[in-house]
Amino acid sequence: MYNRKLKPRLPLKSIVEEYKCGKARLMLMLEDSEDPAVRSIQPQLRSGRKWKVDKAVKQTKEGLKMKGVISLAQTGKKRLASERVE
């Protein structure tokens, strides 16, 4: 990885994307842990200056909630939001 002559096999964007996914996965795993001691710690994950893992996860969760609310539209003769959403 520290060799100057060899080019990386993956483009830099892919490496950064994998890094971000890994950090987000780790944060969600720690937040949703079954162990109450792990869940209560709320660790601060190091992620850099430009991208913060906690803000990214929060934005994604809010986006998914909004997508769920928007998808509750009336279709056909059914009542509004007549289907159960999990």
PDB file of N, CA and C in Angstrom:
ATOM      1  N   MET A   1       0.819  -1.189   0.000  1.00  0.00           N
ATOM      2  CA  MET A   1       0.000   0.000   0.000  1.00  0.00           C
ATOM      3  C   MET A   1       0.863   1.253   0.000  1.00  0.00           C
ATOM      4  N   TYR A   2       2.060   1.163   0.555  1.00  0.00           N
ATOM      5  CA  TYR A   2       2.933   2.323   0.618  1.00  0.00           C
ATOM      6  C   TYR A   2       3.988   2.314  -0.476  1.00  0.00           C
ATOM      7  N   ASN A   3       3.820   1.486  -1.482  1.00  0.00           N
ATOM      8  CA  ASN A   3       4.768   1.417  -2.578  1.00  0.00           C
ATOM      9  C   ASN A   3       4.463   2.523  -3.573  1.00  0.00           C
ATOM     10  N   ARG A   4       5.459   3.258  -3.994  1.00  0.00           N
ATOM     11  CA  ARG A   4       5.248   4.373  -4.923  1.00  0.00           C
ATOM     12  C   ARG A   4       5.155   3.921  -6.365  1.00  0.00           C
ATOM     13  N   LYS A   5       5.671   2.743  -6.677  1.00  0.00           N
ATOM     14  CA  LYS A   5       5.708   2.284  -8.062  1.00  0.00           C
ATOM     15  C   LYS A   5       4.435   1.557  -8.472  1.00  0.00           C
ATOM     16  N   LEU A   6       3.795   0.886  -7.548  1.00  0.00           N
ATOM     17  CA  LEU A   6       2.582   0.141  -7.872  1.00  0.00           C
ATOM     18  C   LEU A   6       1.354   1.034  -7.748  1.00  0.00           C
ATOM     19  N   LYS A   7       0.478   0.924  -8.730  1.00  0.00           N
ATOM     20  CA  LYS A   7      -0.778   1.669  -8.662  1.00  0.00           C
ATOM     21  C   LYS A   7      -1.794   0.850  -7.869  1.00  0.00           C
ATOM     22  N   PRO A   8      -2.686   1.517  -7.146  1.00  0.00           N
ATOM     23  CA  PRO A   8      -3.722   0.755  -6.440  1.00  0.00           C
ATOM     24  C   PRO A   8      -4.656   0.078  -7.438  1.00  0.00           C
ATOM     25  N   ARG A   9      -5.139  -1.093  -7.082  1.00  0.00           N
ATOM     26  CA  ARG A   9      -6.008  -1.835  -7.992  1.00  0.00           C
ATOM     27  C   ARG A   9      -7.404  -1.219  -8.076  1.00  0.00           C
ATOM     28  N   LEU A  10      -7.851  -0.638  -6.999  1.00  0.00           N
ATOM     29  CA  LEU A  10      -9.156   0.023  -6.993  1.00  0.00           C
ATOM     30  C   LEU A  10      -8.971   1.523  -7.149  1.00  0.00           C
ATOM     31  N   PRO A  11      -9.914   2.198  -7.812  1.00  0.00           N
ATOM     32  CA  PRO A  11      -9.838   3.659  -7.854  1.00  0.00           C
ATOM     33  C   PRO A  11     -10.024   4.240  -6.452  1.00  0.00           C
ATOM     34  N   LEU A  12      -9.510   5.426  -6.244  1.00  0.00           N
ATOM     35  CA  LEU A  12      -9.552   6.052  -4.926  1.00  0.00           C
ATOM     36  C   LEU A  12     -10.987   6.239  -4.434  1.00  0.00           C
ATOM     37  N   LYS A  13     -11.919   6.549  -5.344  1.00  0.00           N
ATOM     38  CA  LYS A  13     -13.319   6.726  -4.938  1.00  0.00           C
ATOM     39  C   LYS A  13     -13.890   5.442  -4.345  1.00  0.00           C
ATOM     40  N   SER A  14     -13.532   4.312  -4.933  1.00  0.00           N
ATOM     41  CA  SER A  14     -14.031   3.038  -4.411  1.00  0.00           C
ATOM     42  C   SER A  14     -13.462   2.747  -3.034  1.00  0.00           C
ATOM     43  N   ILE A  15     -12.192   3.074  -2.837  1.00  0.00           N
ATOM     44  CA  ILE A  15     -11.567   2.852  -1.536  1.00  0.00           C
ATOM     45  C   ILE A  15     -12.226   3.732  -0.481  1.00  0.00           C
ATOM     46  N   VAL A  16     -12.493   4.984  -0.833  1.00  0.00           N
ATOM     47  CA  VAL A  16     -13.147   5.909   0.099  1.00  0.00           C
ATOM     48  C   VAL A  16     -14.561   5.431   0.410  1.00  0.00           C
ATOM     49  N   GLU A  17     -15.268   4.944  -0.602  1.00  0.00           N
ATOM     50  CA  GLU A  17     -16.634   4.453  -0.396  1.00  0.00           C
ATOM     51  C   GLU A  17     -16.648   3.242   0.536  1.00  0.00           C
ATOM     52  N   GLU A  18     -15.698   2.343   0.365  1.00  0.00           N
ATOM     53  CA  GLU A  18     -15.596   1.184   1.255  1.00  0.00           C
ATOM     54  C   GLU A  18     -15.282   1.611   2.686  1.00  0.00           C
ATOM     55  N   TYR A  19     -14.429   2.619   2.831  1.00  0.00           N
ATOM     56  CA  TYR A  19     -14.089   3.153   4.153  1.00  0.00           C
ATOM     57  C   TYR A  19     -15.340   3.715   4.830  1.00  0.00           C
ATOM     58  N   LYS A  20     -16.114   4.503   4.086  1.00  0.00           N
ATOM     59  CA  LYS A  20     -17.319   5.114   4.649  1.00  0.00           C
ATOM     60  C   LYS A  20     -18.356   4.057   5.016  1.00  0.00           C
ATOM     61  N   CYS A  21     -18.534   3.070   4.152  1.00  0.00           N
ATOM     62  CA  CYS A  21     -19.495   1.997   4.446  1.00  0.00           C
ATOM     63  C   CYS A  21     -19.078   1.214   5.683  1.00  0.00           C
ATOM     64  N   GLY A  22     -17.792   0.961   5.805  1.00  0.00           N
ATOM     65  CA  GLY A  22     -17.297   0.232   6.969  1.00  0.00           C
ATOM     66  C   GLY A  22     -17.520   0.995   8.262  1.00  0.00           C
ATOM     67  N   LYS A  23     -17.260   2.298   8.238  1.00  0.00           N
ATOM     68  CA  LYS A  23     -17.468   3.120   9.437  1.00  0.00           C
ATOM     69  C   LYS A  23     -18.953   3.182   9.804  1.00  0.00           C
ATOM     70  N   ALA A  24     -19.817   3.365   8.795  1.00  0.00           N
ATOM     71  CA  ALA A  24     -21.255   3.426   9.061  1.00  0.00           C
ATOM     72  C   ALA A  24     -21.757   2.085   9.592  1.00  0.00           C
ATOM     73  N   ARG A  25     -21.274   0.990   9.023  1.00  0.00           N
ATOM     74  CA  ARG A  25     -21.664  -0.345   9.481  1.00  0.00           C
ATOM     75  C   ARG A  25     -21.248  -0.564  10.931  1.00  0.00           C
ATOM     76  N   LEU A  26     -20.037  -0.126  11.275  1.00  0.00           N
ATOM     77  CA  LEU A  26     -19.554  -0.269  12.646  1.00  0.00           C
ATOM     78  C   LEU A  26     -20.412   0.539  13.617  1.00  0.00           C
ATOM     79  N   MET A  27     -20.772   1.760  13.228  1.00  0.00           N
ATOM     80  CA  MET A  27     -21.585   2.596  14.111  1.00  0.00           C
ATOM     81  C   MET A  27     -22.966   1.974  14.339  1.00  0.00           C
ATOM     82  N   LEU A  28     -23.584   1.489  13.263  1.00  0.00           N
ATOM     83  CA  LEU A  28     -24.901   0.865  13.402  1.00  0.00           C
ATOM     84  C   LEU A  28     -24.823  -0.414  14.225  1.00  0.00           C
ATOM     85  N   MET A  29     -23.741  -1.164  14.060  1.00  0.00           N
ATOM     86  CA  MET A  29     -23.574  -2.391  14.833  1.00  0.00           C
ATOM     87  C   MET A  29     -23.446  -2.075  16.324  1.00  0.00           C
ATOM     88  N   LEU A  30     -22.718  -1.014  16.656  1.00  0.00           N
ATOM     89  CA  LEU A  30     -22.564  -0.641  18.058  1.00  0.00           C
ATOM     90  C   LEU A  30     -23.856  -0.066  18.633  1.00  0.00           C
ATOM     91  N   GLU A  31     -24.590   0.727  17.837  1.00  0.00           N
ATOM     92  CA  GLU A  31     -25.851   1.314  18.307  1.00  0.00           C
ATOM     93  C   GLU A  31     -26.917   0.252  18.542  1.00  0.00           C
ATOM     94  N   ASP A  32     -26.991  -0.745  17.664  1.00  0.00           N
ATOM     95  CA  ASP A  32     -28.055  -1.741  17.720  1.00  0.00           C
ATOM     96  C   ASP A  32     -27.621  -3.027  18.414  1.00  0.00           C
ATOM     97  N   SER A  33     -26.571  -2.973  19.199  1.00  0.00           N
ATOM     98  CA  SER A  33     -26.063  -4.155  19.887  1.00  0.00           C
ATOM     99  C   SER A  33     -27.068  -4.636  20.932  1.00  0.00           C
ATOM    100  N   GLU A  34     -27.113  -5.948  21.114  1.00  0.00           N
ATOM    101  CA  GLU A  34     -28.004  -6.514  22.129  1.00  0.00           C
ATOM    102  C   GLU A  34     -27.446  -6.327  23.533  1.00  0.00           C
ATOM    103  N   ASP A  35     -26.154  -6.120  23.633  1.00  0.00           N
ATOM    104  CA  ASP A  35     -25.506  -5.927  24.931  1.00  0.00           C
ATOM    105  C   ASP A  35     -25.756  -4.497  25.410  1.00  0.00           C
ATOM    106  N   PRO A  36     -26.418  -4.298  26.547  1.00  0.00           N
ATOM    107  CA  PRO A  36     -26.717  -2.936  27.010  1.00  0.00           C
ATOM    108  C   PRO A  36     -25.469  -2.121  27.337  1.00  0.00           C
ATOM    109  N   ALA A  37     -24.393  -2.780  27.743  1.00  0.00           N
ATOM    110  CA  ALA A  37     -23.158  -2.046  28.051  1.00  0.00           C
ATOM    111  C   ALA A  37     -22.565  -1.438  26.788  1.00  0.00           C
ATOM    112  N   VAL A  38     -22.575  -2.189  25.698  1.00  0.00           N
ATOM    113  CA  VAL A  38     -22.040  -1.685  24.427  1.00  0.00           C
ATOM    114  C   VAL A  38     -22.931  -0.574  23.894  1.00  0.00           C
ATOM    115  N   ARG A  39     -24.247  -0.765  23.996  1.00  0.00           N
ATOM    116  CA  ARG A  39     -25.190   0.224  23.480  1.00  0.00           C
ATOM    117  C   ARG A  39     -25.105   1.543  24.241  1.00  0.00           C
ATOM    118  N   SER A  40     -24.823   1.487  25.540  1.00  0.00           N
ATOM    119  CA  SER A  40     -24.815   2.701  26.358  1.00  0.00           C
ATOM    120  C   SER A  40     -23.532   3.512  26.228  1.00  0.00           C
ATOM    121  N   ILE A  41     -22.475   2.927  25.688  1.00  0.00           N
ATOM    122  CA  ILE A  41     -21.192   3.627  25.616  1.00  0.00           C
ATOM    123  C   ILE A  41     -21.234   4.798  24.631  1.00  0.00           C
ATOM    124  N   GLN A  42     -21.866   4.630  23.489  1.00  0.00           N
ATOM    125  CA  GLN A  42     -21.915   5.651  22.440  1.00  0.00           C
ATOM    126  C   GLN A  42     -20.509   6.133  22.060  1.00  0.00           C
ATOM    127  N   PRO A  43     -19.713   5.280  21.425  1.00  0.00           N
ATOM    128  CA  PRO A  43     -18.335   5.660  21.102  1.00  0.00           C
ATOM    129  C   PRO A  43     -18.267   6.716  20.006  1.00  0.00           C
ATOM    130  N   GLN A  44     -17.219   7.506  20.037  1.00  0.00           N
ATOM    131  CA  GLN A  44     -16.966   8.501  18.999  1.00  0.00           C
ATOM    132  C   GLN A  44     -16.040   7.865  17.968  1.00  0.00           C
ATOM    133  N   LEU A  45     -16.539   7.619  16.775  1.00  0.00           N
ATOM    134  CA  LEU A  45     -15.722   7.016  15.730  1.00  0.00           C
ATOM    135  C   LEU A  45     -14.962   8.108  14.989  1.00  0.00           C
ATOM    136  N   ARG A  46     -13.690   7.898  14.793  1.00  0.00           N
ATOM    137  CA  ARG A  46     -12.880   8.862  14.053  1.00  0.00           C
ATOM    138  C   ARG A  46     -13.163   8.706  12.567  1.00  0.00           C
ATOM    139  N   SER A  47     -13.451   9.821  11.913  1.00  0.00           N
ATOM    140  CA  SER A  47     -13.779   9.718  10.493  1.00  0.00           C
ATOM    141  C   SER A  47     -13.172  10.826   9.647  1.00  0.00           C
ATOM    142  N   GLY A  48     -12.627  11.854  10.200  1.00  0.00           N
ATOM    143  CA  GLY A  48     -12.003  12.889   9.386  1.00  0.00           C
ATOM    144  C   GLY A  48     -12.680  14.234   9.525  1.00  0.00           C
ATOM    145  N   ARG A  49     -12.200  15.183   8.727  1.00  0.00           N
ATOM    146  CA  ARG A  49     -12.718  16.551   8.815  1.00  0.00           C
ATOM    147  C   ARG A  49     -13.917  16.779   7.908  1.00  0.00           C
ATOM    148  N   LYS A  50     -13.896  16.206   6.723  1.00  0.00           N
ATOM    149  CA  LYS A  50     -14.935  16.499   5.739  1.00  0.00           C
ATOM    150  C   LYS A  50     -16.182  15.630   5.892  1.00  0.00           C
ATOM    151  N   TRP A  51     -16.013  14.433   6.375  1.00  0.00           N
ATOM    152  CA  TRP A  51     -17.117  13.490   6.467  1.00  0.00           C
ATOM    153  C   TRP A  51     -17.215  12.963   7.890  1.00  0.00           C
ATOM    154  N   LYS A  52     -18.362  13.104   8.497  1.00  0.00           N
ATOM    155  CA  LYS A  52     -18.600  12.629   9.865  1.00  0.00           C
ATOM    156  C   LYS A  52     -19.569  11.455   9.808  1.00  0.00           C
ATOM    157  N   VAL A  53     -19.151  10.347  10.388  1.00  0.00           N
ATOM    158  CA  VAL A  53     -19.953   9.131  10.312  1.00  0.00           C
ATOM    159  C   VAL A  53     -21.285   9.285  11.040  1.00  0.00           C
ATOM    160  N   ASP A  54     -21.315   9.953  12.179  1.00  0.00           N
ATOM    161  CA  ASP A  54     -22.579  10.086  12.914  1.00  0.00           C
ATOM    162  C   ASP A  54     -23.586  10.935  12.151  1.00  0.00           C
ATOM    163  N   LYS A  55     -23.126  11.995  11.501  1.00  0.00           N
ATOM    164  CA  LYS A  55     -24.033  12.836  10.708  1.00  0.00           C
ATOM    165  C   LYS A  55     -24.540  12.085   9.481  1.00  0.00           C
ATOM    166  N   ALA A  56     -23.675  11.300   8.848  1.00  0.00           N
ATOM    167  CA  ALA A  56     -24.079  10.550   7.660  1.00  0.00           C
ATOM    168  C   ALA A  56     -25.122   9.495   8.006  1.00  0.00           C
ATOM    169  N   VAL A  57     -24.930   8.797   9.111  1.00  0.00           N
ATOM    170  CA  VAL A  57     -25.890   7.773   9.529  1.00  0.00           C
ATOM    171  C   VAL A  57     -27.222   8.425   9.905  1.00  0.00           C
ATOM    172  N   LYS A  58     -27.165   9.560  10.592  1.00  0.00           N
ATOM    173  CA  LYS A  58     -28.389  10.269  10.984  1.00  0.00           C
ATOM    174  C   LYS A  58     -29.168  10.733   9.748  1.00  0.00           C
ATOM    175  N   GLN A  59     -28.463  11.291   8.753  1.00  0.00           N
ATOM    176  CA  GLN A  59     -29.118  11.740   7.524  1.00  0.00           C
ATOM    177  C   GLN A  59     -29.755  10.571   6.784  1.00  0.00           C
ATOM    178  N   THR A  60     -29.064   9.448   6.746  1.00  0.00           N
ATOM    179  CA  THR A  60     -29.591   8.279   6.053  1.00  0.00           C
ATOM    180  C   THR A  60     -30.843   7.757   6.742  1.00  0.00           C
ATOM    181  N   LYS A  61     -30.831   7.700   8.067  1.00  0.00           N
ATOM    182  CA  LYS A  61     -32.010   7.246   8.807  1.00  0.00           C
ATOM    183  C   LYS A  61     -33.193   8.177   8.571  1.00  0.00           C
ATOM    184  N   GLU A  62     -32.953   9.494   8.585  1.00  0.00           N
ATOM    185  CA  GLU A  62     -34.031  10.451   8.342  1.00  0.00           C
ATOM    186  C   GLU A  62     -34.571  10.314   6.926  1.00  0.00           C
ATOM    187  N   GLY A  63     -33.684  10.090   5.967  1.00  0.00           N
ATOM    188  CA  GLY A  63     -34.116   9.895   4.586  1.00  0.00           C
ATOM    189  C   GLY A  63     -34.978   8.657   4.423  1.00  0.00           C
ATOM    190  N   LEU A  64     -34.611   7.583   5.108  1.00  0.00           N
ATOM    191  CA  LEU A  64     -35.409   6.364   5.035  1.00  0.00           C
ATOM    192  C   LEU A  64     -36.771   6.545   5.697  1.00  0.00           C
ATOM    193  N   LYS A  65     -36.826   7.298   6.801  1.00  0.00           N
ATOM    194  CA  LYS A  65     -38.115   7.589   7.441  1.00  0.00           C
ATOM    195  C   LYS A  65     -39.000   8.392   6.499  1.00  0.00           C
ATOM    196  N   MET A  66     -38.407   9.397   5.853  1.00  0.00           N
ATOM    197  CA  MET A  66     -39.171  10.238   4.937  1.00  0.00           C
ATOM    198  C   MET A  66     -39.648   9.429   3.734  1.00  0.00           C
ATOM    199  N   LYS A  67     -38.812   8.538   3.248  1.00  0.00           N
ATOM    200  CA  LYS A  67     -39.206   7.693   2.124  1.00  0.00           C
ATOM    201  C   LYS A  67     -40.381   6.812   2.514  1.00  0.00           C
ATOM    202  N   GLY A  68     -40.381   6.320   3.753  1.00  0.00           N
ATOM    203  CA  GLY A  68     -41.492   5.513   4.236  1.00  0.00           C
ATOM    204  C   GLY A  68     -42.774   6.310   4.354  1.00  0.00           C
ATOM    205  N   VAL A  69     -42.674   7.568   4.759  1.00  0.00           N
ATOM    206  CA  VAL A  69     -43.852   8.428   4.879  1.00  0.00           C
ATOM    207  C   VAL A  69     -44.392   8.782   3.501  1.00  0.00           C
ATOM    208  N   ILE A  70     -43.510   9.073   2.569  1.00  0.00           N
ATOM    209  CA  ILE A  70     -43.940   9.462   1.229  1.00  0.00           C
ATOM    210  C   ILE A  70     -44.591   8.293   0.505  1.00  0.00           C
ATOM    211  N   SER A  71     -44.126   7.069   0.783  1.00  0.00           N
ATOM    212  CA  SER A  71     -44.674   5.910   0.076  1.00  0.00           C
ATOM    213  C   SER A  71     -46.089   5.560   0.530  1.00  0.00           C
ATOM    214  N   LEU A  72     -46.586   6.180   1.594  1.00  0.00           N
ATOM    215  CA  LEU A  72     -47.948   5.923   2.061  1.00  0.00           C
ATOM    216  C   LEU A  72     -48.935   6.779   1.274  1.00  0.00           C
ATOM    217  N   ALA A  73     -49.099   6.470   0.022  1.00  0.00           N
ATOM    218  CA  ALA A  73     -50.016   7.231  -0.825  1.00  0.00           C
ATOM    219  C   ALA A  73     -51.230   6.370  -1.159  1.00  0.00           C
ATOM    220  N   GLN A  74     -52.311   7.026  -1.479  1.00  0.00           N
ATOM    221  CA  GLN A  74     -53.531   6.307  -1.814  1.00  0.00           C
ATOM    222  C   GLN A  74     -53.408   5.758  -3.229  1.00  0.00           C
ATOM    223  N   THR A  75     -53.706   4.471  -3.376  1.00  0.00           N
ATOM    224  CA  THR A  75     -53.691   3.849  -4.701  1.00  0.00           C
ATOM    225  C   THR A  75     -55.016   3.134  -4.905  1.00  0.00           C
ATOM    226  N   GLY A  76     -55.664   3.429  -5.976  1.00  0.00           N
ATOM    227  CA  GLY A  76     -56.935   2.782  -6.288  1.00  0.00           C
ATOM    228  C   GLY A  76     -58.033   3.184  -5.326  1.00  0.00           C
ATOM    229  N   LYS A  77     -58.862   2.195  -4.936  1.00  0.00           N
ATOM    230  CA  LYS A  77     -59.986   2.471  -4.045  1.00  0.00           C
ATOM    231  C   LYS A  77     -59.648   2.256  -2.578  1.00  0.00           C
ATOM    232  N   LYS A  78     -58.402   1.958  -2.301  1.00  0.00           N
ATOM    233  CA  LYS A  78     -58.003   1.750  -0.908  1.00  0.00           C
ATOM    234  C   LYS A  78     -57.973   3.072  -0.162  1.00  0.00           C
ATOM    235  N   ARG A  79     -58.141   2.972   1.146  1.00  0.00           N
ATOM    236  CA  ARG A  79     -58.024   4.167   1.970  1.00  0.00           C
ATOM    237  C   ARG A  79     -56.567   4.600   2.046  1.00  0.00           C
ATOM    238  N   LEU A  80     -56.345   5.821   2.412  1.00  0.00           N
ATOM    239  CA  LEU A  80     -54.998   6.350   2.556  1.00  0.00           C
ATOM    240  C   LEU A  80     -54.275   5.600   3.666  1.00  0.00           C
ATOM    241  N   ALA A  81     -53.126   5.085   3.364  1.00  0.00           N
ATOM    242  CA  ALA A  81     -52.274   4.358   4.313  1.00  0.00           C
ATOM    243  C   ALA A  81     -52.992   3.152   4.910  1.00  0.00           C
ATOM    244  N   SER A  82     -53.721   2.424   4.072  1.00  0.00           N
ATOM    245  CA  SER A  82     -54.463   1.273   4.580  1.00  0.00           C
ATOM    246  C   SER A  82     -53.578   0.051   4.795  1.00  0.00           C
ATOM    247  N   GLU A  83     -52.409   0.025   4.188  1.00  0.00           N
ATOM    248  CA  GLU A  83     -51.504  -1.112   4.362  1.00  0.00           C
ATOM    249  C   GLU A  83     -50.577  -0.864   5.534  1.00  0.00           C
ATOM    250  N   ARG A  84     -50.235  -1.935   6.243  1.00  0.00           N
ATOM    251  CA  ARG A  84     -49.317  -1.821   7.384  1.00  0.00           C
ATOM    252  C   ARG A  84     -47.898  -1.638   6.874  1.00  0.00           C
ATOM    253  N   VAL A  85     -47.182  -0.747   7.521  1.00  0.00           N
ATOM    254  CA  VAL A  85     -45.784  -0.509   7.188  1.00  0.00           C
ATOM    255  C   VAL A  85     -44.946  -0.934   8.371  1.00  0.00           C
ATOM    256  N   GLU A  86     -43.909  -1.699   8.104  1.00  0.00           N
ATOM    257  CA  GLU A  86     -43.037  -2.162   9.193  1.00  0.00           C
ATOM    258  C   GLU A  86     -41.759  -1.370   9.199  1.00  0.00           C
TER     259      GLU A  86
END
